[in-house]
């Protein structure tokens, strides 16, 4: 999957610091072995900090973040066609929510409001 953001959308994402926002929470990809999952989960703090410094703080998680979408193609494997279809549907819904989130963050209230306590 690949998402192409417009120049305006990228500007909003950067200005509002939305890069680490999670678009979709997900488990480990089905192409990862149990040993690889355990190794990743048991990494020391130093390796986690290094990964975060090099690839961004969201690189330590399997969740789909805005930064991962900005970096280009995201590949995520599921075990069965039904799981893949379910993931695709969740992803489509999450991308609609992301679009609304970006648009909502772009708008700045110009009116001042007051209220009495």
PDB file of N, CA and C in Angstrom:
ATOM      1  N   UNK A   1       0.830  -1.153   0.000  1.00  0.00           N
ATOM      2  CA  UNK A   1       0.000   0.000   0.000  1.00  0.00           C
ATOM      3  C   UNK A   1       0.885   1.230   0.000  1.00  0.00           C
ATOM      4  N   UNK A   2       0.447   2.225  -0.723  1.00  0.00           N
ATOM      5  CA  UNK A   2       1.182   3.480  -0.800  1.00  0.00           C
ATOM      6  C   UNK A   2       0.176   4.622  -0.789  1.00  0.00           C
ATOM      7  N   UNK A   3       0.464   5.641   0.019  1.00  0.00           N
ATOM      8  CA  UNK A   3      -0.396   6.813   0.114  1.00  0.00           C
ATOM      9  C   UNK A   3       0.394   8.013  -0.380  1.00  0.00           C
ATOM     10  N   UNK A   4      -0.213   8.796  -1.241  1.00  0.00           N
ATOM     11  CA  UNK A   4       0.421  10.021  -1.720  1.00  0.00           C
ATOM     12  C   UNK A   4      -0.299  11.207  -1.104  1.00  0.00           C
ATOM     13  N   UNK A   5       0.415  11.968  -0.291  1.00  0.00           N
ATOM     14  CA  UNK A   5      -0.135  13.149   0.351  1.00  0.00           C
ATOM     15  C   UNK A   5       0.084  14.359  -0.549  1.00  0.00           C
ATOM     16  N   UNK A   6      -0.856  15.279  -0.525  1.00  0.00           N
ATOM     17  CA  UNK A   6      -0.678  16.533  -1.266  1.00  0.00           C
ATOM     18  C   UNK A   6       0.312  17.412  -0.513  1.00  0.00           C
ATOM     19  N   UNK A   7       0.793  18.436  -1.174  1.00  0.00           N
ATOM     20  CA  UNK A   7       1.719  19.374  -0.544  1.00  0.00           C
ATOM     21  C   UNK A   7       1.075  20.020   0.680  1.00  0.00           C
ATOM     22  N   UNK A   8      -0.194  20.365   0.560  1.00  0.00           N
ATOM     23  CA  UNK A   8      -0.917  20.979   1.672  1.00  0.00           C
ATOM     24  C   UNK A   8      -1.048  20.014   2.844  1.00  0.00           C
ATOM     25  N   UNK A   9      -1.361  18.762   2.543  1.00  0.00           N
ATOM     26  CA  UNK A   9      -1.495  17.756   3.602  1.00  0.00           C
ATOM     27  C   UNK A   9      -0.171  17.545   4.322  1.00  0.00           C
ATOM     28  N   UNK A  10       0.916  17.457   3.564  1.00  0.00           N
ATOM     29  CA  UNK A  10       2.241  17.299   4.184  1.00  0.00           C
ATOM     30  C   UNK A  10       2.583  18.493   5.068  1.00  0.00           C
ATOM     31  N   UNK A  11       2.203  19.692   4.616  1.00  0.00           N
ATOM     32  CA  UNK A  11       2.468  20.889   5.417  1.00  0.00           C
ATOM     33  C   UNK A  11       1.709  20.835   6.741  1.00  0.00           C
ATOM     34  N   UNK A  12       0.452  20.402   6.711  1.00  0.00           N
ATOM     35  CA  UNK A  12      -0.343  20.289   7.938  1.00  0.00           C
ATOM     36  C   UNK A  12       0.265  19.230   8.861  1.00  0.00           C
ATOM     37  N   UNK A  13       0.638  18.092   8.292  1.00  0.00           N
ATOM     38  CA  UNK A  13       1.227  17.010   9.088  1.00  0.00           C
ATOM     39  C   UNK A  13       2.476  17.496   9.798  1.00  0.00           C
ATOM     40  N   UNK A  14       3.332  18.190   9.082  1.00  0.00           N
ATOM     41  CA  UNK A  14       4.585  18.669   9.684  1.00  0.00           C
ATOM     42  C   UNK A  14       4.333  19.789  10.689  1.00  0.00           C
ATOM     43  N   UNK A  15       3.468  20.724  10.332  1.00  0.00           N
ATOM     44  CA  UNK A  15       3.196  21.866  11.207  1.00  0.00           C
ATOM     45  C   UNK A  15       2.563  21.421  12.523  1.00  0.00           C
ATOM     46  N   UNK A  16       1.646  20.474  12.453  1.00  0.00           N
ATOM     47  CA  UNK A  16       0.929  20.005  13.648  1.00  0.00           C
ATOM     48  C   UNK A  16       1.612  18.802  14.313  1.00  0.00           C
ATOM     49  N   UNK A  17       2.757  18.390  13.737  1.00  0.00           N
ATOM     50  CA  UNK A  17       3.543  17.270  14.285  1.00  0.00           C
ATOM     51  C   UNK A  17       2.687  15.999  14.427  1.00  0.00           C
ATOM     52  N   UNK A  18       2.081  15.596  13.324  1.00  0.00           N
ATOM     53  CA  UNK A  18       1.202  14.427  13.309  1.00  0.00           C
ATOM     54  C   UNK A  18       1.905  13.151  12.852  1.00  0.00           C
ATOM     55  N   UNK A  19       3.218  13.217  12.601  1.00  0.00           N
ATOM     56  CA  UNK A  19       3.938  12.072  12.025  1.00  0.00           C
ATOM     57  C   UNK A  19       3.821  10.797  12.859  1.00  0.00           C
ATOM     58  N   UNK A  20       3.823  10.910  14.166  1.00  0.00           N
ATOM     59  CA  UNK A  20       3.807   9.699  15.004  1.00  0.00           C
ATOM     60  C   UNK A  20       2.399   9.239  15.350  1.00  0.00           C
ATOM     61  N   UNK A  21       1.381   9.942  14.874  1.00  0.00           N
ATOM     62  CA  UNK A  21       0.006   9.508  15.134  1.00  0.00           C
ATOM     63  C   UNK A  21      -0.234   8.146  14.490  1.00  0.00           C
ATOM     64  N   UNK A  22      -0.912   7.283  15.215  1.00  0.00           N
ATOM     65  CA  UNK A  22      -1.196   5.931  14.731  1.00  0.00           C
ATOM     66  C   UNK A  22      -2.456   5.954  13.874  1.00  0.00           C
ATOM     67  N   UNK A  23      -2.314   5.474  12.656  1.00  0.00           N
ATOM     68  CA  UNK A  23      -3.435   5.390  11.718  1.00  0.00           C
ATOM     69  C   UNK A  23      -4.225   4.114  11.966  1.00  0.00           C
ATOM     70  N   UNK A  24      -3.494   3.015  12.221  1.00  0.00           N
ATOM     71  CA  UNK A  24      -4.135   1.724  12.428  1.00  0.00           C
ATOM     72  C   UNK A  24      -3.271   0.870  13.346  1.00  0.00           C
ATOM     73  N   UNK A  25      -3.846   0.435  14.459  1.00  0.00           N
ATOM     74  CA  UNK A  25      -3.129  -0.485  15.344  1.00  0.00           C
ATOM     75  C   UNK A  25      -3.215  -1.876  14.732  1.00  0.00           C
ATOM     76  N   UNK A  26      -2.090  -2.565  14.740  1.00  0.00           N
ATOM     77  CA  UNK A  26      -2.067  -3.890  14.129  1.00  0.00           C
ATOM     78  C   UNK A  26      -1.057  -4.780  14.831  1.00  0.00           C
ATOM     79  N   UNK A  27      -1.276  -6.098  14.683  1.00  0.00           N
ATOM     80  CA  UNK A  27      -0.354  -7.090  15.225  1.00  0.00           C
ATOM     81  C   UNK A  27       0.860  -7.178  14.318  1.00  0.00           C
ATOM     82  N   UNK A  28       1.775  -8.069  14.699  1.00  0.00           N
ATOM     83  CA  UNK A  28       2.928  -8.307  13.839  1.00  0.00           C
ATOM     84  C   UNK A  28       2.463  -8.929  12.528  1.00  0.00           C
ATOM     85  N   UNK A  29       3.162  -8.604  11.460  1.00  0.00           N
ATOM     86  CA  UNK A  29       2.870  -9.160  10.142  1.00  0.00           C
ATOM     87  C   UNK A  29       3.020 -10.676  10.192  1.00  0.00           C
ATOM     88  N   UNK A  30       2.184 -11.396   9.446  1.00  0.00           N
ATOM     89  CA  UNK A  30       2.203 -12.856   9.503  1.00  0.00           C
ATOM     90  C   UNK A  30       3.456 -13.469   8.886  1.00  0.00           C
ATOM     91  N   UNK A  31       4.277 -12.671   8.192  1.00  0.00           N
ATOM     92  CA  UNK A  31       5.510 -13.217   7.634  1.00  0.00           C
ATOM     93  C   UNK A  31       6.649 -13.231   8.657  1.00  0.00           C
ATOM     94  N   UNK A  32       6.412 -12.707   9.862  1.00  0.00           N
ATOM     95  CA  UNK A  32       7.436 -12.728  10.914  1.00  0.00           C
ATOM     96  C   UNK A  32       7.316 -14.026  11.706  1.00  0.00           C
ATOM     97  N   UNK A  33       8.441 -14.671  11.937  1.00  0.00           N
ATOM     98  CA  UNK A  33       8.436 -15.894  12.730  1.00  0.00           C
ATOM     99  C   UNK A  33       8.268 -15.545  14.202  1.00  0.00           C
ATOM    100  N   UNK A  34       7.883 -16.529  14.986  1.00  0.00           N
ATOM    101  CA  UNK A  34       7.726 -16.312  16.425  1.00  0.00           C
ATOM    102  C   UNK A  34       9.060 -15.924  17.049  1.00  0.00           C
ATOM    103  N   UNK A  35      10.142 -16.504  16.561  1.00  0.00           N
ATOM    104  CA  UNK A  35      11.478 -16.177  17.081  1.00  0.00           C
ATOM    105  C   UNK A  35      11.825 -14.709  16.794  1.00  0.00           C
ATOM    106  N   UNK A  36      11.484 -14.233  15.605  1.00  0.00           N
ATOM    107  CA  UNK A  36      11.760 -12.841  15.255  1.00  0.00           C
ATOM    108  C   UNK A  36      10.927 -11.883  16.103  1.00  0.00           C
ATOM    109  N   UNK A  37       9.687 -12.270  16.380  1.00  0.00           N
ATOM    110  CA  UNK A  37       8.825 -11.444  17.222  1.00  0.00           C
ATOM    111  C   UNK A  37       9.396 -11.361  18.634  1.00  0.00           C
ATOM    112  N   UNK A  38       9.799 -12.511  19.186  1.00  0.00           N
ATOM    113  CA  UNK A  38      10.368 -12.535  20.536  1.00  0.00           C
ATOM    114  C   UNK A  38      11.664 -11.740  20.599  1.00  0.00           C
ATOM    115  N   UNK A  39      12.488 -11.863  19.566  1.00  0.00           N
ATOM    116  CA  UNK A  39      13.744 -11.117  19.536  1.00  0.00           C
ATOM    117  C   UNK A  39      13.466  -9.615  19.523  1.00  0.00           C
ATOM    118  N   UNK A  40      12.511  -9.206  18.724  1.00  0.00           N
ATOM    119  CA  UNK A  40      12.164  -7.786  18.637  1.00  0.00           C
ATOM    120  C   UNK A  40      11.626  -7.265  19.967  1.00  0.00           C
ATOM    121  N   UNK A  41      10.776  -8.054  20.617  1.00  0.00           N
ATOM    122  CA  UNK A  41      10.186  -7.629  21.883  1.00  0.00           C
ATOM    123  C   UNK A  41      11.202  -7.596  23.013  1.00  0.00           C
ATOM    124  N   UNK A  42      12.249  -8.410  22.915  1.00  0.00           N
ATOM    125  CA  UNK A  42      13.241  -8.500  23.988  1.00  0.00           C
ATOM    126  C   UNK A  42      14.468  -7.634  23.752  1.00  0.00           C
ATOM    127  N   UNK A  43      14.432  -6.771  22.735  1.00  0.00           N
ATOM    128  CA  UNK A  43      15.568  -5.889  22.487  1.00  0.00           C
ATOM    129  C   UNK A  43      15.802  -4.988  23.689  1.00  0.00           C
ATOM    130  N   UNK A  44      17.032  -4.657  23.889  1.00  0.00           N
ATOM    131  CA  UNK A  44      17.375  -3.769  24.984  1.00  0.00           C
ATOM    132  C   UNK A  44      17.018  -2.329  24.678  1.00  0.00           C
ATOM    133  N   UNK A  45      17.082  -1.511  25.702  1.00  0.00           N
ATOM    134  CA  UNK A  45      16.751  -0.102  25.569  1.00  0.00           C
ATOM    135  C   UNK A  45      17.667   0.593  24.564  1.00  0.00           C
ATOM    136  N   UNK A  46      18.937   0.229  24.557  1.00  0.00           N
ATOM    137  CA  UNK A  46      19.885   0.847  23.629  1.00  0.00           C
ATOM    138  C   UNK A  46      19.487   0.644  22.182  1.00  0.00           C
ATOM    139  N   UNK A  47      19.102  -0.580  21.826  1.00  0.00           N
ATOM    140  CA  UNK A  47      18.692  -0.860  20.445  1.00  0.00           C
ATOM    141  C   UNK A  47      17.400  -0.133  20.096  1.00  0.00           C
ATOM    142  N   UNK A  48      16.478  -0.063  21.066  1.00  0.00           N
ATOM    143  CA  UNK A  48      15.229   0.649  20.809  1.00  0.00           C
ATOM    144  C   UNK A  48      15.493   2.139  20.591  1.00  0.00           C
ATOM    145  N   UNK A  49      16.377   2.716  21.399  1.00  0.00           N
ATOM    146  CA  UNK A  49      16.708   4.129  21.242  1.00  0.00           C
ATOM    147  C   UNK A  49      17.405   4.396  19.915  1.00  0.00           C
ATOM    148  N   UNK A  50      18.302   3.486  19.514  1.00  0.00           N
ATOM    149  CA  UNK A  50      18.997   3.633  18.245  1.00  0.00           C
ATOM    150  C   UNK A  50      18.010   3.560  17.079  1.00  0.00           C
ATOM    151  N   UNK A  51      17.104   2.601  17.129  1.00  0.00           N
ATOM    152  CA  UNK A  51      16.087   2.477  16.088  1.00  0.00           C
ATOM    153  C   UNK A  51      15.244   3.744  16.020  1.00  0.00           C
ATOM    154  N   UNK A  52      14.850   4.267  17.176  1.00  0.00           N
ATOM    155  CA  UNK A  52      14.038   5.482  17.212  1.00  0.00           C
ATOM    156  C   UNK A  52      14.798   6.675  16.645  1.00  0.00           C
ATOM    157  N   UNK A  53      16.097   6.762  16.950  1.00  0.00           N
ATOM    158  CA  UNK A  53      16.905   7.877  16.462  1.00  0.00           C
ATOM    159  C   UNK A  53      17.078   7.831  14.948  1.00  0.00           C
ATOM    160  N   UNK A  54      17.261   6.627  14.412  1.00  0.00           N
ATOM    161  CA  UNK A  54      17.517   6.469  12.979  1.00  0.00           C
ATOM    162  C   UNK A  54      16.223   6.512  12.164  1.00  0.00           C
ATOM    163  N   UNK A  55      15.206   5.791  12.617  1.00  0.00           N
ATOM    164  CA  UNK A  55      13.998   5.620  11.802  1.00  0.00           C
ATOM    165  C   UNK A  55      12.763   6.322  12.341  1.00  0.00           C
ATOM    166  N   UNK A  56      12.873   6.994  13.460  1.00  0.00           N
ATOM    167  CA  UNK A  56      11.709   7.655  14.051  1.00  0.00           C
ATOM    168  C   UNK A  56      11.164   6.835  15.198  1.00  0.00           C
ATOM    169  N   UNK A  57      10.530   7.507  16.133  1.00  0.00           N
ATOM    170  CA  UNK A  57      10.071   6.835  17.343  1.00  0.00           C
ATOM    171  C   UNK A  57       9.041   5.751  17.063  1.00  0.00           C
ATOM    172  N   UNK A  58       8.270   5.881  16.004  1.00  0.00           N
ATOM    173  CA  UNK A  58       7.248   4.883  15.713  1.00  0.00           C
ATOM    174  C   UNK A  58       7.812   3.619  15.070  1.00  0.00           C
ATOM    175  N   UNK A  59       9.095   3.592  14.768  1.00  0.00           N
ATOM    176  CA  UNK A  59       9.706   2.416  14.144  1.00  0.00           C
ATOM    177  C   UNK A  59       9.803   1.240  15.113  1.00  0.00           C
ATOM    178  N   UNK A  60       9.661   1.477  16.401  1.00  0.00           N
ATOM    179  CA  UNK A  60       9.718   0.407  17.383  1.00  0.00           C
ATOM    180  C   UNK A  60       8.401  -0.353  17.505  1.00  0.00           C
ATOM    181  N   UNK A  61       7.389   0.076  16.784  1.00  0.00           N
ATOM    182  CA  UNK A  61       6.073  -0.544  16.884  1.00  0.00           C
ATOM    183  C   UNK A  61       5.625  -1.053  15.524  1.00  0.00           C
ATOM    184  N   UNK A  62       4.778  -2.041  15.528  1.00  0.00           N
ATOM    185  CA  UNK A  62       4.265  -2.601  14.283  1.00  0.00           C
ATOM    186  C   UNK A  62       3.051  -1.831  13.771  1.00  0.00           C
ATOM    187  N   UNK A  63       2.537  -0.896  14.574  1.00  0.00           N
ATOM    188  CA  UNK A  63       1.359  -0.132  14.170  1.00  0.00           C
ATOM    189  C   UNK A  63       1.673   0.753  12.958  1.00  0.00           C
ATOM    190  N   UNK A  64       0.643   1.044  12.193  1.00  0.00           N
ATOM    191  CA  UNK A  64       0.791   1.898  11.016  1.00  0.00           C
ATOM    192  C   UNK A  64       0.662   3.354  11.442  1.00  0.00           C
ATOM    193  N   UNK A  65       1.720   4.119  11.243  1.00  0.00           N
ATOM    194  CA  UNK A  65       1.727   5.524  11.631  1.00  0.00           C
ATOM    195  C   UNK A  65       1.732   6.415  10.393  1.00  0.00           C
ATOM    196  N   UNK A  66       1.483   7.693  10.620  1.00  0.00           N
ATOM    197  CA  UNK A  66       1.516   8.662   9.525  1.00  0.00           C
ATOM    198  C   UNK A  66       2.915   8.693   8.914  1.00  0.00           C
ATOM    199  N   UNK A  67       3.955   8.645   9.747  1.00  0.00           N
ATOM    200  CA  UNK A  67       5.329   8.672   9.238  1.00  0.00           C
ATOM    201  C   UNK A  67       5.595   7.486   8.303  1.00  0.00           C
ATOM    202  N   UNK A  68       5.117   6.311   8.649  1.00  0.00           N
ATOM    203  CA  UNK A  68       5.317   5.147   7.781  1.00  0.00           C
ATOM    204  C   UNK A  68       4.641   5.362   6.431  1.00  0.00           C
ATOM    205  N   UNK A  69       3.474   6.004   6.441  1.00  0.00           N
ATOM    206  CA  UNK A  69       2.801   6.309   5.177  1.00  0.00           C
ATOM    207  C   UNK A  69       3.571   7.357   4.390  1.00  0.00           C
ATOM    208  N   UNK A  70       4.162   8.317   5.086  1.00  0.00           N
ATOM    209  CA  UNK A  70       4.935   9.363   4.418  1.00  0.00           C
ATOM    210  C   UNK A  70       6.215   8.807   3.804  1.00  0.00           C
ATOM    211  N   UNK A  71       6.768   7.757   4.418  1.00  0.00           N
ATOM    212  CA  UNK A  71       8.033   7.189   3.946  1.00  0.00           C
ATOM    213  C   UNK A  71       7.887   6.346   2.691  1.00  0.00           C
ATOM    214  N   UNK A  72       6.688   6.073   2.261  1.00  0.00           N
ATOM    215  CA  UNK A  72       6.505   5.305   1.029  1.00  0.00           C
ATOM    216  C   UNK A  72       5.661   4.069   1.241  1.00  0.00           C
ATOM    217  N   UNK A  73       5.939   3.057   0.490  1.00  0.00           N
ATOM    218  CA  UNK A  73       5.135   1.849   0.479  1.00  0.00           C
ATOM    219  C   UNK A  73       5.214   1.098   1.797  1.00  0.00           C
ATOM    220  N   UNK A  74       4.064   0.634   2.275  1.00  0.00           N
ATOM    221  CA  UNK A  74       3.983  -0.171   3.490  1.00  0.00           C
ATOM    222  C   UNK A  74       3.466  -1.546   3.095  1.00  0.00           C
ATOM    223  N   UNK A  75       4.207  -2.580   3.461  1.00  0.00           N
ATOM    224  CA  UNK A  75       3.815  -3.953   3.155  1.00  0.00           C
ATOM    225  C   UNK A  75       3.476  -4.652   4.468  1.00  0.00           C
ATOM    226  N   UNK A  76       2.308  -5.277   4.503  1.00  0.00           N
ATOM    227  CA  UNK A  76       1.838  -5.952   5.714  1.00  0.00           C
ATOM    228  C   UNK A  76       1.158  -7.252   5.292  1.00  0.00           C
ATOM    229  N   UNK A  77       1.666  -8.368   5.775  1.00  0.00           N
ATOM    230  CA  UNK A  77       1.169  -9.684   5.375  1.00  0.00           C
ATOM    231  C   UNK A  77       0.155 -10.228   6.369  1.00  0.00           C
ATOM    232  N   UNK A  78      -0.855 -10.909   5.853  1.00  0.00           N
ATOM    233  CA  UNK A  78      -1.833 -11.627   6.650  1.00  0.00           C
ATOM    234  C   UNK A  78      -1.804 -13.080   6.226  1.00  0.00           C
ATOM    235  N   UNK A  79      -2.234 -13.981   7.105  1.00  0.00           N
ATOM    236  CA  UNK A  79      -2.118 -15.428   6.871  1.00  0.00           C
ATOM    237  C   UNK A  79      -3.101 -15.970   5.847  1.00  0.00           C
ATOM    238  N   UNK A  80      -4.299 -15.425   5.801  1.00  0.00           N
ATOM    239  CA  UNK A  80      -5.328 -15.959   4.909  1.00  0.00           C
ATOM    240  C   UNK A  80      -5.933 -14.828   4.071  1.00  0.00           C
ATOM    241  N   UNK A  81      -6.567 -15.170   2.964  1.00  0.00           N
ATOM    242  CA  UNK A  81      -7.235 -14.140   2.165  1.00  0.00           C
ATOM    243  C   UNK A  81      -8.321 -13.390   2.944  1.00  0.00           C
ATOM    244  N   UNK A  82      -9.040 -14.082   3.822  1.00  0.00           N
ATOM    245  CA  UNK A  82     -10.072 -13.414   4.622  1.00  0.00           C
ATOM    246  C   UNK A  82      -9.455 -12.388   5.573  1.00  0.00           C
ATOM    247  N   UNK A  83      -8.330 -12.733   6.186  1.00  0.00           N
ATOM    248  CA  UNK A  83      -7.638 -11.789   7.064  1.00  0.00           C
ATOM    249  C   UNK A  83      -7.147 -10.587   6.263  1.00  0.00           C
ATOM    250  N   UNK A  84      -6.672 -10.830   5.047  1.00  0.00           N
ATOM    251  CA  UNK A  84      -6.195  -9.741   4.185  1.00  0.00           C
ATOM    252  C   UNK A  84      -7.346  -8.819   3.788  1.00  0.00           C
ATOM    253  N   UNK A  85      -8.499  -9.382   3.470  1.00  0.00           N
ATOM    254  CA  UNK A  85      -9.665  -8.577   3.111  1.00  0.00           C
ATOM    255  C   UNK A  85     -10.145  -7.751   4.302  1.00  0.00           C
ATOM    256  N   UNK A  86     -10.129  -8.359   5.480  1.00  0.00           N
ATOM    257  CA  UNK A  86     -10.520  -7.648   6.694  1.00  0.00           C
ATOM    258  C   UNK A  86      -9.556  -6.493   6.966  1.00  0.00           C
ATOM    259  N   UNK A  87      -8.256  -6.758   6.805  1.00  0.00           N
ATOM    260  CA  UNK A  87      -7.255  -5.707   7.006  1.00  0.00           C
ATOM    261  C   UNK A  87      -7.456  -4.580   5.994  1.00  0.00           C
ATOM    262  N   UNK A  88      -7.721  -4.931   4.747  1.00  0.00           N
ATOM    263  CA  UNK A  88      -7.934  -3.920   3.713  1.00  0.00           C
ATOM    264  C   UNK A  88      -9.120  -3.020   4.066  1.00  0.00           C
ATOM    265  N   UNK A  89     -10.189  -3.607   4.557  1.00  0.00           N
ATOM    266  CA  UNK A  89     -11.372  -2.831   4.937  1.00  0.00           C
ATOM    267  C   UNK A  89     -11.051  -1.905   6.116  1.00  0.00           C
ATOM    268  N   UNK A  90     -10.335  -2.413   7.114  1.00  0.00           N
ATOM    269  CA  UNK A  90      -9.928  -1.586   8.254  1.00  0.00           C
ATOM    270  C   UNK A  90      -9.031  -0.434   7.787  1.00  0.00           C
ATOM    271  N   UNK A  91      -8.136  -0.744   6.875  1.00  0.00           N
ATOM    272  CA  UNK A  91      -7.207   0.253   6.361  1.00  0.00           C
ATOM    273  C   UNK A  91      -7.950   1.366   5.623  1.00  0.00           C
ATOM    274  N   UNK A  92      -8.889   1.002   4.765  1.00  0.00           N
ATOM    275  CA  UNK A  92      -9.655   1.999   4.024  1.00  0.00           C
ATOM    276  C   UNK A  92     -10.402   2.930   4.985  1.00  0.00           C
ATOM    277  N   UNK A  93     -11.034   2.362   5.998  1.00  0.00           N
ATOM    278  CA  UNK A  93     -11.748   3.172   6.982  1.00  0.00           C
ATOM    279  C   UNK A  93     -10.791   4.088   7.744  1.00  0.00           C
ATOM    280  N   UNK A  94      -9.628   3.570   8.076  1.00  0.00           N
ATOM    281  CA  UNK A  94      -8.633   4.361   8.808  1.00  0.00           C
ATOM    282  C   UNK A  94      -8.095   5.508   7.959  1.00  0.00           C
ATOM    283  N   UNK A  95      -7.941   5.286   6.664  1.00  0.00           N
ATOM    284  CA  UNK A  95      -7.444   6.344   5.783  1.00  0.00           C
ATOM    285  C   UNK A  95      -8.472   7.463   5.616  1.00  0.00           C
ATOM    286  N   UNK A  96      -9.753   7.118   5.611  1.00  0.00           N
ATOM    287  CA  UNK A  96     -10.795   8.145   5.566  1.00  0.00           C
ATOM    288  C   UNK A  96     -10.736   8.981   6.840  1.00  0.00           C
ATOM    289  N   UNK A  97     -10.575   8.305   7.979  1.00  0.00           N
ATOM    290  CA  UNK A  97     -10.442   9.010   9.256  1.00  0.00           C
ATOM    291  C   UNK A  97      -9.207   9.898   9.259  1.00  0.00           C
ATOM    292  N   UNK A  98      -8.091   9.395   8.713  1.00  0.00           N
ATOM    293  CA  UNK A  98      -6.857  10.179   8.641  1.00  0.00           C
ATOM    294  C   UNK A  98      -7.072  11.440   7.803  1.00  0.00           C
ATOM    295  N   UNK A  99      -7.724  11.301   6.670  1.00  0.00           N
ATOM    296  CA  UNK A  99      -7.994  12.458   5.805  1.00  0.00           C
ATOM    297  C   UNK A  99      -8.794  13.515   6.577  1.00  0.00           C
ATOM    298  N   UNK A 100      -9.829  13.078   7.282  1.00  0.00           N
ATOM    299  CA  UNK A 100     -10.637  14.004   8.078  1.00  0.00           C
ATOM    300  C   UNK A 100      -9.816  14.636   9.197  1.00  0.00           C
ATOM    301  N   UNK A 101      -8.914  13.865   9.786  1.00  0.00           N
ATOM    302  CA  UNK A 101      -8.046  14.342  10.861  1.00  0.00           C
ATOM    303  C   UNK A 101      -7.113  15.439  10.337  1.00  0.00           C
ATOM    304  N   UNK A 102      -6.557  15.231   9.156  1.00  0.00           N
ATOM    305  CA  UNK A 102      -5.659  16.231   8.558  1.00  0.00           C
ATOM    306  C   UNK A 102      -6.431  17.507   8.230  1.00  0.00           C
ATOM    307  N   UNK A 103      -7.601  17.358   7.608  1.00  0.00           N
ATOM    308  CA  UNK A 103      -8.421  18.519   7.262  1.00  0.00           C
ATOM    309  C   UNK A 103      -8.823  19.271   8.530  1.00  0.00           C
ATOM    310  N   UNK A 104      -9.213  18.546   9.558  1.00  0.00           N
ATOM    311  CA  UNK A 104      -9.593  19.173  10.816  1.00  0.00           C
ATOM    312  C   UNK A 104      -8.447  19.919  11.473  1.00  0.00           C
ATOM    313  N   UNK A 105      -7.238  19.406  11.346  1.00  0.00           N
ATOM    314  CA  UNK A 105      -6.075  20.060  11.919  1.00  0.00           C
ATOM    315  C   UNK A 105      -5.609  21.246  11.084  1.00  0.00           C
ATOM    316  N   UNK A 106      -6.045  21.319   9.837  1.00  0.00           N
ATOM    317  CA  UNK A 106      -5.646  22.425   8.975  1.00  0.00           C
ATOM    318  C   UNK A 106      -6.451  23.676   9.278  1.00  0.00           C
ATOM    319  N   UNK A 107      -7.672  23.490   9.720  1.00  0.00           N
ATOM    320  CA  UNK A 107      -8.562  24.616   9.960  1.00  0.00           C
ATOM    321  C   UNK A 107      -8.235  25.271  11.292  1.00  0.00           C
ATOM    322  N   UNK A 108      -8.114  26.568  11.248  1.00  0.00           N
ATOM    323  CA  UNK A 108      -7.850  27.347  12.449  1.00  0.00           C
ATOM    324  C   UNK A 108      -9.037  28.257  12.677  1.00  0.00           C
ATOM    325  N   UNK A 109      -9.550  28.244  13.878  1.00  0.00           N
ATOM    326  CA  UNK A 109     -10.685  29.111  14.220  1.00  0.00           C
ATOM    327  C   UNK A 109     -10.245  30.568  14.158  1.00  0.00           C
ATOM    328  N   UNK A 110     -10.960  31.367  13.402  1.00  0.00           N
ATOM    329  CA  UNK A 110     -10.634  32.788  13.305  1.00  0.00           C
ATOM    330  C   UNK A 110     -11.543  33.626  14.204  1.00  0.00           C
ATOM    331  N   UNK A 111     -12.670  33.071  14.581  1.00  0.00           N
ATOM    332  CA  UNK A 111     -13.574  33.788  15.470  1.00  0.00           C
ATOM    333  C   UNK A 111     -13.167  33.564  16.906  1.00  0.00           C
ATOM    334  N   UNK A 112     -13.352  34.582  17.696  1.00  0.00           N
ATOM    335  CA  UNK A 112     -13.136  34.415  19.124  1.00  0.00           C
ATOM    336  C   UNK A 112     -14.476  34.185  19.778  1.00  0.00           C
ATOM    337  N   UNK A 113     -14.473  33.341  20.742  1.00  0.00           N
ATOM    338  CA  UNK A 113     -15.715  33.034  21.439  1.00  0.00           C
ATOM    339  C   UNK A 113     -15.526  33.329  22.917  1.00  0.00           C
ATOM    340  N   UNK A 114     -16.580  33.786  23.504  1.00  0.00           N
ATOM    341  CA  UNK A 114     -16.523  33.997  24.950  1.00  0.00           C
ATOM    342  C   UNK A 114     -17.735  33.328  25.558  1.00  0.00           C
ATOM    343  N   UNK A 115     -17.598  32.994  26.801  1.00  0.00           N
ATOM    344  CA  UNK A 115     -18.700  32.387  27.502  1.00  0.00           C
ATOM    345  C   UNK A 115     -18.604  32.758  28.973  1.00  0.00           C
ATOM    346  N   UNK A 116     -19.712  32.708  29.636  1.00  0.00           N
ATOM    347  CA  UNK A 116     -19.758  33.100  31.035  1.00  0.00           C
ATOM    348  C   UNK A 116     -19.791  31.856  31.891  1.00  0.00           C
ATOM    349  N   UNK A 117     -18.981  31.864  32.925  1.00  0.00           N
ATOM    350  CA  UNK A 117     -18.963  30.732  33.853  1.00  0.00           C
ATOM    351  C   UNK A 117     -19.930  30.928  34.974  1.00  0.00           C
TER     352      UNK A 117
END
